[in-house]
Amino acid sequence: MKPQRLDALLEAFLNDPRIKRGILRAKVFNAYIEITKDTFGDGTEPTGFKNGVLYVEVESSPMLNDISFFEETIVEEINKKLGERAVKRIKFKVKEDK
């Protein structure tokens, strides 16, 4: 195996589509938490991100009703924070008891 430069290996790694998706997912989750923590506290939790849809579980039906009114604003704020239109919509659902 021919030796390769570390910067070339790192660039190839970071350009892997799976890695890019994982990094974007982490950025979206972090932005969501930062944006909603003061208003909704720990009552919501991002659980998935696929094809521009952020999936979020909420503690209760009343909270689901409240946060649904802010969906468009939250989407705009996330995208502004990321500097790209990564999130198109958010799907909220009540967290199931386990």
PDB file of N, CA and C in Angstrom:
ATOM      1  N   MET A   1       0.842  -1.180   0.000  1.00  0.00           N
ATOM      2  CA  MET A   1       0.000   0.000   0.000  1.00  0.00           C
ATOM      3  C   MET A   1       0.888   1.244   0.000  1.00  0.00           C
ATOM      4  N   LYS A   2       0.580   2.134  -0.875  1.00  0.00           N
ATOM      5  CA  LYS A   2       1.357   3.363  -1.029  1.00  0.00           C
ATOM      6  C   LYS A   2       0.997   4.344   0.097  1.00  0.00           C
ATOM      7  N   PRO A   3       1.994   4.949   0.754  1.00  0.00           N
ATOM      8  CA  PRO A   3       1.720   5.940   1.800  1.00  0.00           C
ATOM      9  C   PRO A   3       0.969   7.135   1.217  1.00  0.00           C
ATOM     10  N   GLN A   4       0.036   7.674   2.012  1.00  0.00           N
ATOM     11  CA  GLN A   4      -0.726   8.842   1.576  1.00  0.00           C
ATOM     12  C   GLN A   4      -0.559   9.964   2.588  1.00  0.00           C
ATOM     13  N   ARG A   5      -0.741  11.151   2.103  1.00  0.00           N
ATOM     14  CA  ARG A   5      -0.649  12.318   2.989  1.00  0.00           C
ATOM     15  C   ARG A   5      -1.864  12.326   3.916  1.00  0.00           C
ATOM     16  N   LEU A   6      -1.637  12.741   5.139  1.00  0.00           N
ATOM     17  CA  LEU A   6      -2.694  12.790   6.137  1.00  0.00           C
ATOM     18  C   LEU A   6      -3.817  13.741   5.727  1.00  0.00           C
ATOM     19  N   ASP A   7      -3.467  14.891   5.163  1.00  0.00           N
ATOM     20  CA  ASP A   7      -4.506  15.844   4.758  1.00  0.00           C
ATOM     21  C   ASP A   7      -5.395  15.265   3.660  1.00  0.00           C
ATOM     22  N   ALA A   8      -4.831  14.477   2.757  1.00  0.00           N
ATOM     23  CA  ALA A   8      -5.621  13.847   1.697  1.00  0.00           C
ATOM     24  C   ALA A   8      -6.556  12.788   2.285  1.00  0.00           C
ATOM     25  N   LEU A   9      -6.065  12.020   3.230  1.00  0.00           N
ATOM     26  CA  LEU A   9      -6.905  11.016   3.891  1.00  0.00           C
ATOM     27  C   LEU A   9      -8.041  11.675   4.658  1.00  0.00           C
ATOM     28  N   LEU A  10      -7.735  12.740   5.371  1.00  0.00           N
ATOM     29  CA  LEU A  10      -8.748  13.449   6.146  1.00  0.00           C
ATOM     30  C   LEU A  10      -9.804  14.061   5.231  1.00  0.00           C
ATOM     31  N   GLU A  11      -9.368  14.646   4.133  1.00  0.00           N
ATOM     32  CA  GLU A  11     -10.311  15.234   3.180  1.00  0.00           C
ATOM     33  C   GLU A  11     -11.228  14.165   2.592  1.00  0.00           C
ATOM     34  N   ALA A  12     -10.664  13.024   2.232  1.00  0.00           N
ATOM     35  CA  ALA A  12     -11.479  11.923   1.698  1.00  0.00           C
ATOM     36  C   ALA A  12     -12.482  11.448   2.737  1.00  0.00           C
ATOM     37  N   PHE A  13     -12.051  11.354   3.979  1.00  0.00           N
ATOM     38  CA  PHE A  13     -12.934  10.922   5.064  1.00  0.00           C
ATOM     39  C   PHE A  13     -14.094  11.900   5.250  1.00  0.00           C
ATOM     40  N   LEU A  14     -13.783  13.195   5.303  1.00  0.00           N
ATOM     41  CA  LEU A  14     -14.816  14.204   5.538  1.00  0.00           C
ATOM     42  C   LEU A  14     -15.748  14.382   4.342  1.00  0.00           C
ATOM     43  N   ASN A  15     -15.322  13.973   3.162  1.00  0.00           N
ATOM     44  CA  ASN A  15     -16.176  14.067   1.978  1.00  0.00           C
ATOM     45  C   ASN A  15     -17.022  12.822   1.741  1.00  0.00           C
ATOM     46  N   ASP A  16     -16.855  11.819   2.581  1.00  0.00           N
ATOM     47  CA  ASP A  16     -17.688  10.614   2.491  1.00  0.00           C
ATOM     48  C   ASP A  16     -19.136  11.015   2.795  1.00  0.00           C
ATOM     49  N   PRO A  17     -20.092  10.658   1.935  1.00  0.00           N
ATOM     50  CA  PRO A  17     -21.491  11.059   2.139  1.00  0.00           C
ATOM     51  C   PRO A  17     -22.054  10.652   3.501  1.00  0.00           C
ATOM     52  N   ARG A  18     -21.675   9.499   4.015  1.00  0.00           N
ATOM     53  CA  ARG A  18     -22.180   9.055   5.329  1.00  0.00           C
ATOM     54  C   ARG A  18     -21.662   9.959   6.441  1.00  0.00           C
ATOM     55  N   ILE A  19     -20.409  10.356   6.335  1.00  0.00           N
ATOM     56  CA  ILE A  19     -19.823  11.240   7.340  1.00  0.00           C
ATOM     57  C   ILE A  19     -20.471  12.620   7.258  1.00  0.00           C
ATOM     58  N   LYS A  20     -20.658  13.124   6.034  1.00  0.00           N
ATOM     59  CA  LYS A  20     -21.312  14.429   5.855  1.00  0.00           C
ATOM     60  C   LYS A  20     -22.712  14.433   6.451  1.00  0.00           C
ATOM     61  N   ARG A  21     -23.478  13.349   6.210  1.00  0.00           N
ATOM     62  CA  ARG A  21     -24.830  13.255   6.775  1.00  0.00           C
ATOM     63  C   ARG A  21     -24.786  13.257   8.301  1.00  0.00           C
ATOM     64  N   GLY A  22     -23.843  12.522   8.861  1.00  0.00           N
ATOM     65  CA  GLY A  22     -23.713  12.461  10.317  1.00  0.00           C
ATOM     66  C   GLY A  22     -23.347  13.799  10.924  1.00  0.00           C
ATOM     67  N   ILE A  23     -22.460  14.512  10.280  1.00  0.00           N
ATOM     68  CA  ILE A  23     -22.059  15.835  10.767  1.00  0.00           C
ATOM     69  C   ILE A  23     -23.230  16.802  10.672  1.00  0.00           C
ATOM     70  N   LEU A  24     -23.950  16.779   9.549  1.00  0.00           N
ATOM     71  CA  LEU A  24     -25.115  17.656   9.386  1.00  0.00           C
ATOM     72  C   LEU A  24     -26.174  17.335  10.434  1.00  0.00           C
ATOM     73  N   ARG A  25     -26.418  16.064  10.664  1.00  0.00           N
ATOM     74  CA  ARG A  25     -27.408  15.638  11.676  1.00  0.00           C
ATOM     75  C   ARG A  25     -27.027  16.206  13.044  1.00  0.00           C
ATOM     76  N   ALA A  26     -25.781  16.089  13.422  1.00  0.00           N
ATOM     77  CA  ALA A  26     -25.318  16.608  14.709  1.00  0.00           C
ATOM     78  C   ALA A  26     -25.493  18.124  14.783  1.00  0.00           C
ATOM     79  N   LYS A  27     -25.185  18.816  13.696  1.00  0.00           N
ATOM     80  CA  LYS A  27     -25.338  20.271  13.669  1.00  0.00           C
ATOM     81  C   LYS A  27     -26.812  20.664  13.806  1.00  0.00           C
ATOM     82  N   VAL A  28     -27.694  19.943  13.115  1.00  0.00           N
ATOM     83  CA  VAL A  28     -29.133  20.229  13.182  1.00  0.00           C
ATOM     84  C   VAL A  28     -29.635  19.989  14.604  1.00  0.00           C
ATOM     85  N   PHE A  29     -29.271  18.863  15.210  1.00  0.00           N
ATOM     86  CA  PHE A  29     -29.692  18.555  16.577  1.00  0.00           C
ATOM     87  C   PHE A  29     -29.217  19.646  17.538  1.00  0.00           C
ATOM     88  N   ASN A  30     -27.945  20.024  17.433  1.00  0.00           N
ATOM     89  CA  ASN A  30     -27.398  21.041  18.333  1.00  0.00           C
ATOM     90  C   ASN A  30     -28.098  22.387  18.147  1.00  0.00           C
ATOM     91  N   ALA A  31     -28.346  22.763  16.903  1.00  0.00           N
ATOM     92  CA  ALA A  31     -29.034  24.031  16.639  1.00  0.00           C
ATOM     93  C   ALA A  31     -30.451  23.992  17.207  1.00  0.00           C
ATOM     94  N   TYR A  32     -31.161  22.882  17.006  1.00  0.00           N
ATOM     95  CA  TYR A  32     -32.525  22.746  17.534  1.00  0.00           C
ATOM     96  C   TYR A  32     -32.528  22.914  19.055  1.00  0.00           C
ATOM     97  N   ILE A  33     -31.634  22.203  19.731  1.00  0.00           N
ATOM     98  CA  ILE A  33     -31.573  22.255  21.197  1.00  0.00           C
ATOM     99  C   ILE A  33     -31.267  23.666  21.671  1.00  0.00           C
ATOM    100  N   GLU A  34     -30.315  24.307  21.038  1.00  0.00           N
ATOM    101  CA  GLU A  34     -29.934  25.667  21.419  1.00  0.00           C
ATOM    102  C   GLU A  34     -31.098  26.644  21.236  1.00  0.00           C
ATOM    103  N   ILE A  35     -31.832  26.490  20.151  1.00  0.00           N
ATOM    104  CA  ILE A  35     -32.936  27.402  19.834  1.00  0.00           C
ATOM    105  C   ILE A  35     -34.131  27.190  20.763  1.00  0.00           C
ATOM    106  N   THR A  36     -34.411  25.961  21.139  1.00  0.00           N
ATOM    107  CA  THR A  36     -35.630  25.667  21.903  1.00  0.00           C
ATOM    108  C   THR A  36     -35.432  25.537  23.411  1.00  0.00           C
ATOM    109  N   LYS A  37     -34.196  25.493  23.886  1.00  0.00           N
ATOM    110  CA  LYS A  37     -33.957  25.198  25.309  1.00  0.00           C
ATOM    111  C   LYS A  37     -34.596  26.213  26.254  1.00  0.00           C
ATOM    112  N   ASP A  38     -34.576  27.496  25.915  1.00  0.00           N
ATOM    113  CA  ASP A  38     -35.138  28.504  26.819  1.00  0.00           C
ATOM    114  C   ASP A  38     -36.662  28.456  26.869  1.00  0.00           C
ATOM    115  N   THR A  39     -37.291  28.127  25.767  1.00  0.00           N
ATOM    116  CA  THR A  39     -38.754  28.121  25.705  1.00  0.00           C
ATOM    117  C   THR A  39     -39.346  26.786  26.136  1.00  0.00           C
ATOM    118  N   PHE A  40     -38.734  25.684  25.706  1.00  0.00           N
ATOM    119  CA  PHE A  40     -39.320  24.372  25.959  1.00  0.00           C
ATOM    120  C   PHE A  40     -38.470  23.483  26.869  1.00  0.00           C
ATOM    121  N   GLY A  41     -37.336  23.990  27.292  1.00  0.00           N
ATOM    122  CA  GLY A  41     -36.489  23.257  28.232  1.00  0.00           C
ATOM    123  C   GLY A  41     -36.126  21.871  27.733  1.00  0.00           C
ATOM    124  N   ASP A  42     -36.186  20.919  28.647  1.00  0.00           N
ATOM    125  CA  ASP A  42     -35.853  19.539  28.313  1.00  0.00           C
ATOM    126  C   ASP A  42     -37.080  18.748  27.874  1.00  0.00           C
ATOM    127  N   GLY A  43     -38.157  19.443  27.559  1.00  0.00           N
ATOM    128  CA  GLY A  43     -39.405  18.772  27.210  1.00  0.00           C
ATOM    129  C   GLY A  43     -39.465  18.244  25.793  1.00  0.00           C
ATOM    130  N   THR A  44     -38.449  18.509  24.993  1.00  0.00           N
ATOM    131  CA  THR A  44     -38.412  18.002  23.627  1.00  0.00           C
ATOM    132  C   THR A  44     -37.047  17.398  23.350  1.00  0.00           C
ATOM    133  N   GLU A  45     -37.021  16.466  22.405  1.00  0.00           N
ATOM    134  CA  GLU A  45     -35.754  15.812  22.064  1.00  0.00           C
ATOM    135  C   GLU A  45     -35.725  15.445  20.588  1.00  0.00           C
ATOM    136  N   PRO A  46     -34.743  15.947  19.843  1.00  0.00           N
ATOM    137  CA  PRO A  46     -34.620  15.533  18.447  1.00  0.00           C
ATOM    138  C   PRO A  46     -34.206  14.062  18.402  1.00  0.00           C
ATOM    139  N   THR A  47     -34.865  13.303  17.540  1.00  0.00           N
ATOM    140  CA  THR A  47     -34.600  11.861  17.483  1.00  0.00           C
ATOM    141  C   THR A  47     -34.147  11.376  16.119  1.00  0.00           C
ATOM    142  N   GLY A  48     -34.323  12.194  15.091  1.00  0.00           N
ATOM    143  CA  GLY A  48     -33.923  11.770  13.756  1.00  0.00           C
ATOM    144  C   GLY A  48     -33.900  12.934  12.787  1.00  0.00           C
ATOM    145  N   PHE A  49     -33.182  12.722  11.695  1.00  0.00           N
ATOM    146  CA  PHE A  49     -33.118  13.735  10.644  1.00  0.00           C
ATOM    147  C   PHE A  49     -32.881  13.017   9.332  1.00  0.00           C
ATOM    148  N   LYS A  50     -33.840  13.147   8.415  1.00  0.00           N
ATOM    149  CA  LYS A  50     -33.720  12.461   7.130  1.00  0.00           C
ATOM    150  C   LYS A  50     -34.455  13.254   6.057  1.00  0.00           C
ATOM    151  N   ASN A  51     -33.793  13.439   4.922  1.00  0.00           N
ATOM    152  CA  ASN A  51     -34.385  14.121   3.764  1.00  0.00           C
ATOM    153  C   ASN A  51     -34.982  15.483   4.114  1.00  0.00           C
ATOM    154  N   GLY A  52     -34.293  16.226   4.970  1.00  0.00           N
ATOM    155  CA  GLY A  52     -34.744  17.564   5.323  1.00  0.00           C
ATOM    156  C   GLY A  52     -35.812  17.619   6.394  1.00  0.00           C
ATOM    157  N   VAL A  53     -36.194  16.471   6.933  1.00  0.00           N
ATOM    158  CA  VAL A  53     -37.221  16.425   7.985  1.00  0.00           C
ATOM    159  C   VAL A  53     -36.553  16.104   9.318  1.00  0.00           C
ATOM    160  N   LEU A  54     -36.771  16.991  10.294  1.00  0.00           N
ATOM    161  CA  LEU A  54     -36.275  16.787  11.649  1.00  0.00           C
ATOM    162  C   LEU A  54     -37.396  16.154  12.464  1.00  0.00           C
ATOM    163  N   TYR A  55     -37.106  15.031  13.107  1.00  0.00           N
ATOM    164  CA  TYR A  55     -38.083  14.329  13.937  1.00  0.00           C
ATOM    165  C   TYR A  55     -37.801  14.649  15.397  1.00  0.00           C
ATOM    166  N   VAL A  56     -38.862  15.075  16.103  1.00  0.00           N
ATOM    167  CA  VAL A  56     -38.705  15.504  17.491  1.00  0.00           C
ATOM    168  C   VAL A  56     -39.800  14.885  18.350  1.00  0.00           C
ATOM    169  N   GLU A  57     -39.405  14.330  19.494  1.00  0.00           N
ATOM    170  CA  GLU A  57     -40.366  13.811  20.465  1.00  0.00           C
ATOM    171  C   GLU A  57     -40.584  14.871  21.536  1.00  0.00           C
ATOM    172  N   VAL A  58     -41.850  15.009  21.956  1.00  0.00           N
ATOM    173  CA  VAL A  58     -42.208  15.960  23.003  1.00  0.00           C
ATOM    174  C   VAL A  58     -42.847  15.211  24.166  1.00  0.00           C
ATOM    175  N   GLU A  59     -42.808  15.819  25.358  1.00  0.00           N
ATOM    176  CA  GLU A  59     -43.271  15.158  26.573  1.00  0.00           C
ATOM    177  C   GLU A  59     -44.768  14.909  26.632  1.00  0.00           C
ATOM    178  N   SER A  60     -45.567  15.830  26.087  1.00  0.00           N
ATOM    179  CA  SER A  60     -47.010  15.728  26.296  1.00  0.00           C
ATOM    180  C   SER A  60     -47.785  16.304  25.110  1.00  0.00           C
ATOM    181  N   SER A  61     -49.054  15.975  25.068  1.00  0.00           N
ATOM    182  CA  SER A  61     -49.928  16.512  24.014  1.00  0.00           C
ATOM    183  C   SER A  61     -50.039  18.033  24.081  1.00  0.00           C
ATOM    184  N   PRO A  62     -50.201  18.619  25.291  1.00  0.00           N
ATOM    185  CA  PRO A  62     -50.257  20.084  25.333  1.00  0.00           C
ATOM    186  C   PRO A  62     -48.971  20.734  24.799  1.00  0.00           C
ATOM    187  N   MET A  63     -47.822  20.137  25.114  1.00  0.00           N
ATOM    188  CA  MET A  63     -46.559  20.687  24.609  1.00  0.00           C
ATOM    189  C   MET A  63     -46.491  20.515  23.092  1.00  0.00           C
ATOM    190  N   LEU A  64     -46.978  19.401  22.578  1.00  0.00           N
ATOM    191  CA  LEU A  64     -47.016  19.172  21.133  1.00  0.00           C
ATOM    192  C   LEU A  64     -47.827  20.268  20.459  1.00  0.00           C
ATOM    193  N   ASN A  65     -48.957  20.585  21.046  1.00  0.00           N
ATOM    194  CA  ASN A  65     -49.813  21.637  20.506  1.00  0.00           C
ATOM    195  C   ASN A  65     -49.087  22.981  20.517  1.00  0.00           C
ATOM    196  N   ASP A  66     -48.429  23.291  21.634  1.00  0.00           N
ATOM    197  CA  ASP A  66     -47.721  24.574  21.750  1.00  0.00           C
ATOM    198  C   ASP A  66     -46.567  24.694  20.760  1.00  0.00           C
ATOM    199  N   ILE A  67     -45.716  23.685  20.716  1.00  0.00           N
ATOM    200  CA  ILE A  67     -44.509  23.778  19.884  1.00  0.00           C
ATOM    201  C   ILE A  67     -44.841  23.737  18.396  1.00  0.00           C
ATOM    202  N   SER A  68     -45.938  23.108  18.038  1.00  0.00           N
ATOM    203  CA  SER A  68     -46.340  23.041  16.625  1.00  0.00           C
ATOM    204  C   SER A  68     -46.535  24.434  16.029  1.00  0.00           C
ATOM    205  N   PHE A  69     -46.991  25.377  16.855  1.00  0.00           N
ATOM    206  CA  PHE A  69     -47.187  26.748  16.386  1.00  0.00           C
ATOM    207  C   PHE A  69     -45.865  27.417  16.010  1.00  0.00           C
ATOM    208  N   PHE A  70     -44.764  26.920  16.564  1.00  0.00           N
ATOM    209  CA  PHE A  70     -43.450  27.526  16.334  1.00  0.00           C
ATOM    210  C   PHE A  70     -42.626  26.797  15.278  1.00  0.00           C
ATOM    211  N   GLU A  71     -43.189  25.787  14.624  1.00  0.00           N
ATOM    212  CA  GLU A  71     -42.419  24.978  13.672  1.00  0.00           C
ATOM    213  C   GLU A  71     -41.705  25.827  12.628  1.00  0.00           C
ATOM    214  N   GLU A  72     -42.433  26.684  11.966  1.00  0.00           N
ATOM    215  CA  GLU A  72     -41.847  27.487  10.886  1.00  0.00           C
ATOM    216  C   GLU A  72     -40.709  28.371  11.404  1.00  0.00           C
ATOM    217  N   THR A  73     -40.904  28.980  12.560  1.00  0.00           N
ATOM    218  CA  THR A  73     -39.875  29.837  13.154  1.00  0.00           C
ATOM    219  C   THR A  73     -38.641  29.030  13.518  1.00  0.00           C
ATOM    220  N   ILE A  74     -38.849  27.846  14.103  1.00  0.00           N
ATOM    221  CA  ILE A  74     -37.720  26.991  14.496  1.00  0.00           C
ATOM    222  C   ILE A  74     -36.941  26.561  13.256  1.00  0.00           C
ATOM    223  N   VAL A  75     -37.643  26.171  12.207  1.00  0.00           N
ATOM    224  CA  VAL A  75     -36.983  25.767  10.950  1.00  0.00           C
ATOM    225  C   VAL A  75     -36.127  26.919  10.418  1.00  0.00           C
ATOM    226  N   GLU A  76     -36.700  28.112  10.381  1.00  0.00           N
ATOM    227  CA  GLU A  76     -35.959  29.276   9.884  1.00  0.00           C
ATOM    228  C   GLU A  76     -34.709  29.540  10.726  1.00  0.00           C
ATOM    229  N   GLU A  77     -34.851  29.466  12.036  1.00  0.00           N
ATOM    230  CA  GLU A  77     -33.718  29.736  12.931  1.00  0.00           C
ATOM    231  C   GLU A  77     -32.618  28.683  12.790  1.00  0.00           C
ATOM    232  N   ILE A  78     -33.009  27.418  12.658  1.00  0.00           N
ATOM    233  CA  ILE A  78     -32.006  26.358  12.462  1.00  0.00           C
ATOM    234  C   ILE A  78     -31.226  26.619  11.179  1.00  0.00           C
ATOM    235  N   ASN A  79     -31.946  26.860  10.101  1.00  0.00           N
ATOM    236  CA  ASN A  79     -31.295  27.087   8.805  1.00  0.00           C
ATOM    237  C   ASN A  79     -30.409  28.326   8.820  1.00  0.00           C
ATOM    238  N   LYS A  80     -30.862  29.358   9.518  1.00  0.00           N
ATOM    239  CA  LYS A  80     -30.051  30.572   9.637  1.00  0.00           C
ATOM    240  C   LYS A  80     -28.763  30.261  10.398  1.00  0.00           C
ATOM    241  N   LYS A  81     -28.883  29.514  11.466  1.00  0.00           N
ATOM    242  CA  LYS A  81     -27.718  29.154  12.283  1.00  0.00           C
ATOM    243  C   LYS A  81     -26.733  28.294  11.476  1.00  0.00           C
ATOM    244  N   LEU A  82     -27.253  27.408  10.626  1.00  0.00           N
ATOM    245  CA  LEU A  82     -26.404  26.528   9.825  1.00  0.00           C
ATOM    246  C   LEU A  82     -25.858  27.202   8.571  1.00  0.00           C
ATOM    247  N   GLY A  83     -26.527  28.257   8.128  1.00  0.00           N
ATOM    248  CA  GLY A  83     -26.096  28.938   6.912  1.00  0.00           C
ATOM    249  C   GLY A  83     -26.504  28.207   5.646  1.00  0.00           C
ATOM    250  N   GLU A  84     -27.475  27.333   5.762  1.00  0.00           N
ATOM    251  CA  GLU A  84     -28.001  26.602   4.598  1.00  0.00           C
ATOM    252  C   GLU A  84     -29.412  26.119   4.905  1.00  0.00           C
ATOM    253  N   ARG A  85     -30.151  25.775   3.849  1.00  0.00           N
ATOM    254  CA  ARG A  85     -31.527  25.304   4.029  1.00  0.00           C
ATOM    255  C   ARG A  85     -31.507  23.786   4.183  1.00  0.00           C
ATOM    256  N   ALA A  86     -31.047  23.311   5.331  1.00  0.00           N
ATOM    257  CA  ALA A  86     -30.945  21.878   5.589  1.00  0.00           C
ATOM    258  C   ALA A  86     -32.276  21.293   6.056  1.00  0.00           C
ATOM    259  N   VAL A  87     -33.021  22.060   6.866  1.00  0.00           N
ATOM    260  CA  VAL A  87     -34.278  21.576   7.438  1.00  0.00           C
ATOM    261  C   VAL A  87     -35.438  22.189   6.667  1.00  0.00           C
ATOM    262  N   LYS A  88     -36.323  21.326   6.179  1.00  0.00           N
ATOM    263  CA  LYS A  88     -37.500  21.793   5.444  1.00  0.00           C
ATOM    264  C   LYS A  88     -38.732  21.814   6.341  1.00  0.00           C
ATOM    265  N   ARG A  89     -38.794  20.847   7.257  1.00  0.00           N
ATOM    266  CA  ARG A  89     -39.923  20.794   8.186  1.00  0.00           C
ATOM    267  C   ARG A  89     -39.558  19.968   9.406  1.00  0.00           C
ATOM    268  N   ILE A  90     -40.422  20.062  10.414  1.00  0.00           N
ATOM    269  CA  ILE A  90     -40.226  19.299  11.644  1.00  0.00           C
ATOM    270  C   ILE A  90     -41.482  18.479  11.890  1.00  0.00           C
ATOM    271  N   LYS A  91     -41.290  17.215  12.219  1.00  0.00           N
ATOM    272  CA  LYS A  91     -42.407  16.341  12.595  1.00  0.00           C
ATOM    273  C   LYS A  91     -42.298  16.086  14.101  1.00  0.00           C
ATOM    274  N   PHE A  92     -43.290  16.598  14.830  1.00  0.00           N
ATOM    275  CA  PHE A  92     -43.331  16.408  16.270  1.00  0.00           C
ATOM    276  C   PHE A  92     -44.239  15.232  16.595  1.00  0.00           C
ATOM    277  N   LYS A  93     -43.891  14.490  17.639  1.00  0.00           N
ATOM    278  CA  LYS A  93     -44.782  13.443  18.128  1.00  0.00           C
ATOM    279  C   LYS A  93     -44.583  13.317  19.629  1.00  0.00           C
ATOM    280  N   VAL A  94     -45.640  12.865  20.315  1.00  0.00           N
ATOM    281  CA  VAL A  94     -45.581  12.693  21.758  1.00  0.00           C
ATOM    282  C   VAL A  94     -44.741  11.452  22.057  1.00  0.00           C
ATOM    283  N   LYS A  95     -43.825  11.628  23.017  1.00  0.00           N
ATOM    284  CA  LYS A  95     -42.940  10.551  23.432  1.00  0.00           C
ATOM    285  C   LYS A  95     -43.765   9.428  24.056  1.00  0.00           C
ATOM    286  N   GLU A  96     -43.505   8.226  23.608  1.00  0.00           N
ATOM    287  CA  GLU A  96     -44.211   7.075  24.155  1.00  0.00           C
ATOM    288  C   GLU A  96     -43.555   6.626  25.446  1.00  0.00           C
ATOM    289  N   ASP A  97     -44.376   6.263  26.432  1.00  0.00           N
ATOM    290  CA  ASP A  97     -43.836   5.726  27.686  1.00  0.00           C
ATOM    291  C   ASP A  97     -43.289   4.337  27.437  1.00  0.00           C
ATOM    292  N   LYS A  98     -42.156   4.061  28.054  1.00  0.00           N
ATOM    293  CA  LYS A  98     -41.540   2.757  27.858  1.00  0.00           C
ATOM    294  C   LYS A  98     -41.605   1.948  29.126  1.00  0.00           C
TER     295      LYS A  98
END
